């Protein structure tokens, strides 16, 4: 039957059915839909978000406008990846590999992922090339923080956890990395939890939070409430990116 021949009531029910069908698509609007460039996101963060709060996320190290780490007693470099200890890098709190694995292009590749020599490739480069949703997730500023390059390298894609003892490797920096786990300082644990909650809510279906980690993050959220800088950071990002982190609001 043609839509034009339906009664007013039938048209209303059809409209409601279509609306419910579109809800999963509309929910994606909770995430970043304005910038799919990771490079652009990093530039905006440096110049328009952290311009007056230049300190690294994990260790609180001060850094210059050109991203050089200023020497202080807050951080002592480890021997591994030493060169990267002198500059900041923009770290994905929820690792790109963690959500990237949920994309077929990352796992299996795509016909569009072929280099100049005709060789197929997969992984991050492929997902970044052909999948717009992946690019939006990768560029989402709420998930990006400034970190000493060395800490970024050593944290890798490890999940967060509580590590027994105090196996520190960065001097006074209370960031512990051991057995493929990372334990951040207490002052930022709530920040991390709320970033994970945001990413899981904004990009459903990508396995951002496991059941085990959800309990940990709920505890961190309570023990480390939102502070003034976290609110201001979110306010600036909302202005630039156009969406909110409701777990901070």
Protein backbone atom coordinates (compact mmCIF):
# COMPACT_ATOMS: atom_id res chain seq x y z
CA UNK A 1 0.00 0.00 0.00
CA UNK A 2 1.28 3.46 -0.90
CA UNK A 3 2.10 5.86 1.95
CA UNK A 4 -0.27 8.50 0.48
CA UNK A 5 -3.23 6.12 0.88
CA UNK A 6 -2.64 5.42 4.56
CA UNK A 7 -4.93 6.93 7.18
CA UNK A 8 -3.62 9.64 9.49
CA UNK A 9 -3.28 7.12 12.31
CA UNK A 10 -1.40 4.66 10.10
CA UNK A 11 0.96 7.43 8.97
CA UNK A 12 1.61 8.35 12.60
CA UNK A 13 2.45 4.74 13.51
CA UNK A 14 4.72 4.45 10.47
CA UNK A 15 6.53 7.61 11.52
CA UNK A 16 7.05 6.26 15.06
CA UNK A 17 8.43 2.99 13.67
CA UNK A 18 10.90 4.86 11.47
CA UNK A 19 11.94 7.03 14.42
CA UNK A 20 12.72 3.99 16.58
CA UNK A 21 14.67 2.48 13.70
CA UNK A 22 16.82 5.60 13.47
CA UNK A 23 17.55 5.90 17.19
CA UNK A 24 20.83 3.91 17.02
CA UNK A 25 22.03 6.18 14.23
CA UNK A 26 21.00 9.36 16.04
CA UNK A 27 22.80 8.22 19.20
CA UNK A 28 26.09 8.49 17.34
CA UNK A 29 25.65 12.27 17.51
CA UNK A 30 26.78 12.02 21.15
CA UNK A 31 30.35 11.74 19.90
CA UNK A 32 32.61 13.83 17.71
CA UNK A 33 31.06 14.57 14.32
CA UNK A 34 32.88 17.79 13.43
CA UNK A 35 36.56 16.92 13.02
CA UNK A 36 37.99 13.72 11.51
CA UNK A 37 41.61 14.93 11.48
CA UNK A 38 43.84 13.68 14.31
CA UNK A 39 46.47 16.23 13.30
CA UNK A 40 44.00 19.11 13.52
CA UNK A 41 42.73 17.89 16.91
CA UNK A 42 46.25 17.97 18.33
CA UNK A 43 46.83 21.51 17.10
CA UNK A 44 43.57 22.74 18.60
CA UNK A 45 44.36 21.07 21.92
CA UNK A 46 47.76 22.73 22.15
CA UNK A 47 46.66 26.22 21.13
CA UNK A 48 43.05 26.46 22.28
CA UNK A 49 42.62 24.08 25.20
CA UNK A 50 45.93 23.69 27.04
CA UNK A 51 47.37 27.14 26.24
CA UNK A 52 47.26 28.17 29.91
CA UNK A 53 47.46 24.73 31.52
CA UNK A 54 50.65 23.29 30.12
CA UNK A 55 51.31 20.25 32.27
CA UNK A 56 51.33 16.59 31.40
CA UNK A 57 48.43 14.39 32.42
CA UNK A 58 50.19 11.52 34.16
CA UNK A 59 53.11 13.27 35.84
CA UNK A 60 52.20 16.96 35.98
CA UNK A 61 55.35 18.00 34.11
CA UNK A 62 55.35 21.55 32.73
CA UNK A 63 55.92 21.96 29.00
CA UNK A 64 56.53 24.83 26.58
CA UNK A 65 54.34 26.07 23.70
CA UNK A 66 56.55 24.08 21.32
CA UNK A 67 55.83 20.88 23.31
CA UNK A 68 59.24 20.58 25.02
CA UNK A 69 59.25 19.17 28.56
CA UNK A 70 60.59 21.58 31.17
CA UNK A 71 62.89 19.80 33.60
CA UNK A 72 61.49 19.49 37.11
CA UNK A 73 61.51 17.16 40.11
CA UNK A 74 58.15 15.73 39.02
CA UNK A 75 59.62 13.34 36.48
CA UNK A 76 62.83 11.38 35.99
CA UNK A 77 63.25 9.69 32.59
CA UNK A 78 63.50 5.94 32.27
CA UNK A 79 66.24 4.54 30.04
CA UNK A 80 63.81 3.07 27.51
CA UNK A 81 62.50 5.48 24.83
CA UNK A 82 64.70 8.17 26.41
CA UNK A 83 64.52 10.59 23.46
CA UNK A 84 60.75 10.72 23.75
CA UNK A 85 61.06 11.89 27.38
CA UNK A 86 61.91 15.39 26.20
CA UNK A 87 58.64 16.22 24.44
CA UNK A 88 54.92 15.75 24.92
CA UNK A 89 52.72 13.56 22.77
CA UNK A 90 48.95 13.42 22.64
CA UNK A 91 47.88 10.21 24.32
CA UNK A 92 44.63 8.35 23.73
CA UNK A 93 43.32 7.57 27.22
CA UNK A 94 41.19 4.86 25.63
CA UNK A 95 43.91 3.40 23.36
CA UNK A 96 43.31 3.65 19.63
CA UNK A 97 44.07 -0.05 19.33
CA UNK A 98 41.38 -0.91 21.89
CA UNK A 99 38.55 0.62 19.89
CA UNK A 100 40.32 0.18 16.56
CA UNK A 101 40.08 -3.61 16.81
CA UNK A 102 36.30 -3.27 16.60
CA UNK A 103 36.60 -2.01 13.02
CA UNK A 104 36.77 -4.58 10.24
CA UNK A 105 39.28 -2.45 8.31
CA UNK A 106 41.69 -2.63 11.26
CA UNK A 107 41.34 -6.41 11.64
CA UNK A 108 41.09 -7.53 8.02
CA UNK A 109 41.91 -4.62 5.77
CA UNK A 110 39.86 -3.19 2.91
CA UNK A 111 40.04 -3.11 -0.91
CA UNK A 112 40.87 0.57 -0.59
CA UNK A 113 43.93 -0.13 1.58
CA UNK A 114 46.64 -0.79 -0.99
CA UNK A 115 49.99 1.02 -1.04
CA UNK A 116 51.83 2.36 -4.09
CA UNK A 117 53.51 -0.98 -4.64
CA UNK A 118 50.16 -2.78 -4.76
CA UNK A 119 50.57 -4.36 -1.33
CA UNK A 120 47.48 -4.59 0.87
CA UNK A 121 47.65 -3.33 4.45
CA UNK A 122 45.38 -3.29 7.49
CA UNK A 123 45.49 -1.97 11.04
CA UNK A 124 45.34 1.65 12.10
CA UNK A 125 46.44 3.08 8.75
CA UNK A 126 43.68 1.25 6.90
CA UNK A 127 40.93 2.18 9.36
CA UNK A 128 42.10 5.78 9.26
CA UNK A 129 42.06 5.83 5.47
CA UNK A 130 38.65 4.37 4.72
CA UNK A 131 36.43 4.55 7.82
CA UNK A 132 34.99 7.94 8.79
CA UNK A 133 33.66 6.77 12.17
CA UNK A 134 37.12 5.54 13.13
CA UNK A 135 38.61 8.91 12.20
CA UNK A 136 36.05 10.69 14.36
CA UNK A 137 36.86 8.44 17.31
CA UNK A 138 40.60 8.81 16.84
CA UNK A 139 40.28 12.60 16.70
CA UNK A 140 37.88 13.00 19.63
CA UNK A 141 39.54 15.58 21.88
CA UNK A 142 37.83 14.36 25.06
CA UNK A 143 39.97 11.21 24.77
CA UNK A 144 43.27 13.03 24.22
CA UNK A 145 45.65 14.27 26.91
CA UNK A 146 49.22 15.61 26.85
CA UNK A 147 51.71 13.04 28.10
CA UNK A 148 55.48 12.81 28.23
CA UNK A 149 56.38 10.89 25.08
CA UNK A 150 58.24 8.27 27.06
CA UNK A 151 55.26 7.59 29.32
CA UNK A 152 53.00 7.42 26.27
CA UNK A 153 55.32 4.85 24.68
CA UNK A 154 55.65 2.69 27.79
CA UNK A 155 51.95 2.80 28.65
CA UNK A 156 51.32 1.60 25.08
CA UNK A 157 47.81 0.16 24.79
CA UNK A 158 47.79 -1.31 28.30
CA UNK A 159 44.59 -1.16 30.33
CA UNK A 160 44.36 0.61 33.69
CA UNK A 161 44.44 -1.36 36.92
CA UNK A 162 45.54 -1.25 40.54
CA UNK A 163 49.09 -2.62 40.74
CA UNK A 164 50.37 -4.12 44.02
CA UNK A 165 53.23 -2.19 45.60
CA UNK A 166 54.87 0.93 44.15
CA UNK A 167 56.97 -0.15 41.14
CA UNK A 168 57.81 3.39 39.99
CA UNK A 169 60.16 3.98 37.08
CA UNK A 170 59.78 7.75 36.58
CA UNK A 171 61.14 9.12 39.85
CA UNK A 172 58.54 11.20 41.71
CA UNK A 173 55.92 10.60 39.04
CA UNK A 174 53.23 8.36 40.49
CA UNK A 175 52.56 6.47 37.26
CA UNK A 176 53.18 2.76 37.52
CA UNK A 177 53.49 0.43 34.54
CA UNK A 178 54.01 -3.29 35.04
CA UNK A 179 52.82 -6.59 33.56
CA UNK A 180 50.98 -4.83 30.74
CA UNK A 181 48.95 -2.74 33.19
CA UNK A 182 49.09 0.96 34.12
CA UNK A 183 48.16 2.58 37.43
CA UNK A 184 47.82 6.41 37.31
CA UNK A 185 48.13 8.82 40.23
CA UNK A 186 44.98 9.21 42.38
CA UNK A 187 44.39 12.82 41.26
CA UNK A 188 43.49 11.82 37.69
CA UNK A 189 41.75 8.47 38.19
CA UNK A 190 38.30 10.05 38.10
CA UNK A 191 39.25 11.97 34.94
CA UNK A 192 40.19 8.67 33.29
CA UNK A 193 36.97 7.00 34.41
CA UNK A 194 34.83 9.80 33.00
CA UNK A 195 36.71 9.73 29.69
CA UNK A 196 36.01 6.00 29.43
CA UNK A 197 32.34 6.51 30.33
CA UNK A 198 32.08 9.20 27.65
CA UNK A 199 33.74 7.14 24.92
CA UNK A 200 31.63 4.08 25.74
CA UNK A 201 28.43 6.13 25.64
CA UNK A 202 29.33 8.23 22.58
CA UNK A 203 30.49 5.28 20.45
CA UNK A 204 28.38 2.26 21.42
CA UNK A 205 29.27 -1.15 20.11
CA UNK A 206 33.04 -0.71 20.17
CA UNK A 207 33.78 -2.52 23.44
CA UNK A 208 35.32 0.47 25.20
CA UNK A 209 34.68 -0.76 28.77
CA UNK A 210 34.82 -4.34 30.00
CA UNK A 211 32.67 -5.48 32.93
CA UNK A 212 35.76 -5.76 35.12
CA UNK A 213 36.99 -2.27 34.30
CA UNK A 214 33.55 -0.70 34.72
CA UNK A 215 33.62 -1.55 38.43
CA UNK A 216 37.11 -0.07 38.74
CA UNK A 217 36.10 3.11 36.92
CA UNK A 218 32.96 3.52 39.01
CA UNK A 219 35.15 3.42 42.12
CA UNK A 220 37.61 5.92 40.59
CA UNK A 221 34.77 8.23 39.60
CA UNK A 222 33.63 8.41 43.24
CA UNK A 223 37.09 8.71 44.80
CA UNK A 224 38.23 11.50 42.46
CA UNK A 225 35.34 13.93 41.76
CA UNK A 226 35.31 16.46 38.91
CA UNK A 227 37.57 19.45 39.58
CA UNK A 228 37.71 22.96 38.14
CA UNK A 229 40.26 22.20 35.40
CA UNK A 230 38.35 19.14 34.22
CA UNK A 231 35.23 21.31 33.88
CA UNK A 232 37.09 24.06 32.05
CA UNK A 233 38.80 21.58 29.74
CA UNK A 234 35.40 20.08 28.86
CA UNK A 235 33.90 23.54 28.32
CA UNK A 236 36.64 24.46 25.85
CA UNK A 237 36.34 21.17 24.02
CA UNK A 238 32.58 21.50 23.77
CA UNK A 239 33.05 24.90 22.14
CA UNK A 240 35.54 23.51 19.61
CA UNK A 241 34.06 20.08 18.95
CA UNK A 242 30.37 20.85 19.39
CA UNK A 243 29.36 18.02 21.76
CA UNK A 244 29.36 17.48 25.53
CA UNK A 245 30.83 14.97 27.91
CA UNK A 246 27.71 14.54 30.01
CA UNK A 247 29.66 12.66 32.68
CA UNK A 248 31.40 15.92 33.55
CA UNK A 249 28.39 18.21 33.19
